[in-house]
Amino acid sequence: MVAKHITLTNPVADIIEAEISAGRYKDVSSAINDAAWNYFIGAPSPFTEYGVTPEQVEKSAAKDLLEIKADREEGKLIPL
């Protein structure tokens, strides 16, 4: 880790403070790190991380949904 001192404009500082107050980040450093990472490098894709495409995930989810509907119709699922 490297310590850097930065100056923020008031609107940016207000947004960061609001995010911290909302519990999304624990401190200014984590908020700035996340914002910089996502802006310059990009958010990591869960699809790439697991070696699948969005289409494969959607196809699998649709299949699971059909199985759940069939189980519900056959009375195999216990209502909550």
C-alpha atoms as a PDB file:
ATOM      1  CA  MET A   1       0.000   0.000   0.000  1.00  0.00           C
ATOM      2  CA  VAL A   2       1.067   3.520  -0.722  1.00  0.00           C
ATOM      3  CA  ALA A   3      -0.209   6.535   1.192  1.00  0.00           C
ATOM      4  CA  LYS A   4      -1.279   9.487  -0.959  1.00  0.00           C
ATOM      5  CA  HIS A   5      -2.808  12.786   0.056  1.00  0.00           C
ATOM      6  CA  ILE A   6      -5.570  13.986  -2.253  1.00  0.00           C
ATOM      7  CA  THR A   7      -7.924  16.932  -2.412  1.00  0.00           C
ATOM      8  CA  LEU A   8     -11.564  16.312  -3.310  1.00  0.00           C
ATOM      9  CA  THR A   9     -14.133  18.756  -4.585  1.00  0.00           C
ATOM     10  CA  ASN A  10     -17.033  19.340  -2.207  1.00  0.00           C
ATOM     11  CA  PRO A  11     -19.585  17.385  -4.289  1.00  0.00           C
ATOM     12  CA  VAL A  12     -17.277  14.356  -4.500  1.00  0.00           C
ATOM     13  CA  ALA A  13     -16.467  14.529  -0.790  1.00  0.00           C
ATOM     14  CA  ASP A  14     -20.192  14.733   0.019  1.00  0.00           C
ATOM     15  CA  ILE A  15     -20.956  11.669  -2.095  1.00  0.00           C
ATOM     16  CA  ILE A  16     -18.163   9.686  -0.444  1.00  0.00           C
ATOM     17  CA  GLU A  17     -19.326  10.693   3.029  1.00  0.00           C
ATOM     18  CA  ALA A  18     -22.892   9.667   2.134  1.00  0.00           C
ATOM     19  CA  GLU A  19     -21.674   6.255   0.939  1.00  0.00           C
ATOM     20  CA  ILE A  20     -19.719   5.766   4.169  1.00  0.00           C
ATOM     21  CA  SER A  21     -22.712   6.856   6.276  1.00  0.00           C
ATOM     22  CA  ALA A  22     -24.914   4.400   4.373  1.00  0.00           C
ATOM     23  CA  GLY A  23     -22.513   1.604   5.306  1.00  0.00           C
ATOM     24  CA  ARG A  24     -21.325   0.812   1.794  1.00  0.00           C
ATOM     25  CA  TYR A  25     -17.713   1.614   2.705  1.00  0.00           C
ATOM     26  CA  LYS A  26     -15.960   1.681   6.058  1.00  0.00           C
ATOM     27  CA  ASP A  27     -13.739   4.665   5.265  1.00  0.00           C
ATOM     28  CA  VAL A  28     -12.678   7.191   2.627  1.00  0.00           C
ATOM     29  CA  SER A  29      -9.738   5.071   1.519  1.00  0.00           C
ATOM     30  CA  SER A  30     -11.865   2.049   0.641  1.00  0.00           C
ATOM     31  CA  ALA A  31     -14.391   4.243  -1.216  1.00  0.00           C
ATOM     32  CA  ILE A  32     -11.690   5.953  -3.277  1.00  0.00           C
ATOM     33  CA  ASN A  33      -9.907   2.661  -4.014  1.00  0.00           C
ATOM     34  CA  ASP A  34     -13.140   1.046  -5.238  1.00  0.00           C
ATOM     35  CA  ALA A  35     -14.069   4.041  -7.386  1.00  0.00           C
ATOM     36  CA  ALA A  36     -10.595   4.292  -8.944  1.00  0.00           C
ATOM     37  CA  TRP A  37     -10.404   0.546  -9.596  1.00  0.00           C
ATOM     38  CA  ASN A  38     -13.811   0.436 -11.269  1.00  0.00           C
ATOM     39  CA  TYR A  39     -13.147   3.569 -13.325  1.00  0.00           C
ATOM     40  CA  PHE A  40      -9.649   2.812 -14.583  1.00  0.00           C
ATOM     41  CA  ILE A  41      -9.533  -0.985 -14.608  1.00  0.00           C
ATOM     42  CA  GLY A  42     -13.156  -2.001 -14.648  1.00  0.00           C
ATOM     43  CA  ALA A  43     -15.261  -4.125 -12.400  1.00  0.00           C
ATOM     44  CA  PRO A  44     -14.316  -7.781 -12.466  1.00  0.00           C
ATOM     45  CA  SER A  45     -16.849  -9.826 -14.375  1.00  0.00           C
ATOM     46  CA  PRO A  46     -18.151 -12.848 -12.496  1.00  0.00           C
ATOM     47  CA  PHE A  47     -18.669 -14.519 -15.860  1.00  0.00           C
ATOM     48  CA  THR A  48     -15.004 -14.204 -16.794  1.00  0.00           C
ATOM     49  CA  GLU A  49     -13.924 -15.216 -13.315  1.00  0.00           C
ATOM     50  CA  TYR A  50     -15.814 -18.514 -13.577  1.00  0.00           C
ATOM     51  CA  GLY A  51     -15.128 -19.108 -17.261  1.00  0.00           C
ATOM     52  CA  VAL A  52     -18.722 -18.883 -18.491  1.00  0.00           C
ATOM     53  CA  THR A  53     -20.666 -16.532 -20.737  1.00  0.00           C
ATOM     54  CA  PRO A  54     -23.781 -14.583 -19.709  1.00  0.00           C
ATOM     55  CA  GLU A  55     -25.755 -16.696 -22.191  1.00  0.00           C
ATOM     56  CA  GLN A  56     -24.668 -19.926 -20.488  1.00  0.00           C
ATOM     57  CA  VAL A  57     -25.742 -18.562 -17.111  1.00  0.00           C
ATOM     58  CA  GLU A  58     -29.125 -17.445 -18.475  1.00  0.00           C
ATOM     59  CA  LYS A  59     -29.698 -20.847 -20.118  1.00  0.00           C
ATOM     60  CA  SER A  60     -28.877 -22.656 -16.872  1.00  0.00           C
ATOM     61  CA  ALA A  61     -31.124 -20.329 -14.859  1.00  0.00           C
ATOM     62  CA  ALA A  62     -34.017 -20.851 -17.275  1.00  0.00           C
ATOM     63  CA  LYS A  63     -33.599 -24.626 -16.969  1.00  0.00           C
ATOM     64  CA  ASP A  64     -33.585 -24.390 -13.160  1.00  0.00           C
ATOM     65  CA  LEU A  65     -36.720 -22.235 -13.241  1.00  0.00           C
ATOM     66  CA  LEU A  66     -38.550 -24.785 -15.393  1.00  0.00           C
ATOM     67  CA  GLU A  67     -37.584 -27.562 -12.964  1.00  0.00           C
ATOM     68  CA  ILE A  68     -38.843 -25.513 -10.012  1.00  0.00           C
ATOM     69  CA  LYS A  69     -42.147 -24.809 -11.777  1.00  0.00           C
ATOM     70  CA  ALA A  70     -42.574 -28.509 -12.569  1.00  0.00           C
ATOM     71  CA  ASP A  71     -41.822 -29.480  -8.965  1.00  0.00           C
ATOM     72  CA  ARG A  72     -44.317 -26.881  -7.742  1.00  0.00           C
ATOM     73  CA  GLU A  73     -47.034 -28.213 -10.042  1.00  0.00           C
ATOM     74  CA  GLU A  74     -46.367 -31.785  -8.878  1.00  0.00           C
ATOM     75  CA  GLY A  75     -46.574 -30.712  -5.227  1.00  0.00           C
ATOM     76  CA  LYS A  76     -42.966 -31.588  -4.470  1.00  0.00           C
ATOM     77  CA  LEU A  77     -42.228 -28.185  -2.934  1.00  0.00           C
ATOM     78  CA  ILE A  78     -43.300 -27.290   0.576  1.00  0.00           C
ATOM     79  CA  PRO A  79     -45.007 -23.861   0.732  1.00  0.00           C
ATOM     80  CA  LEU A  80     -43.442 -21.419   3.170  1.00  0.00           C
END
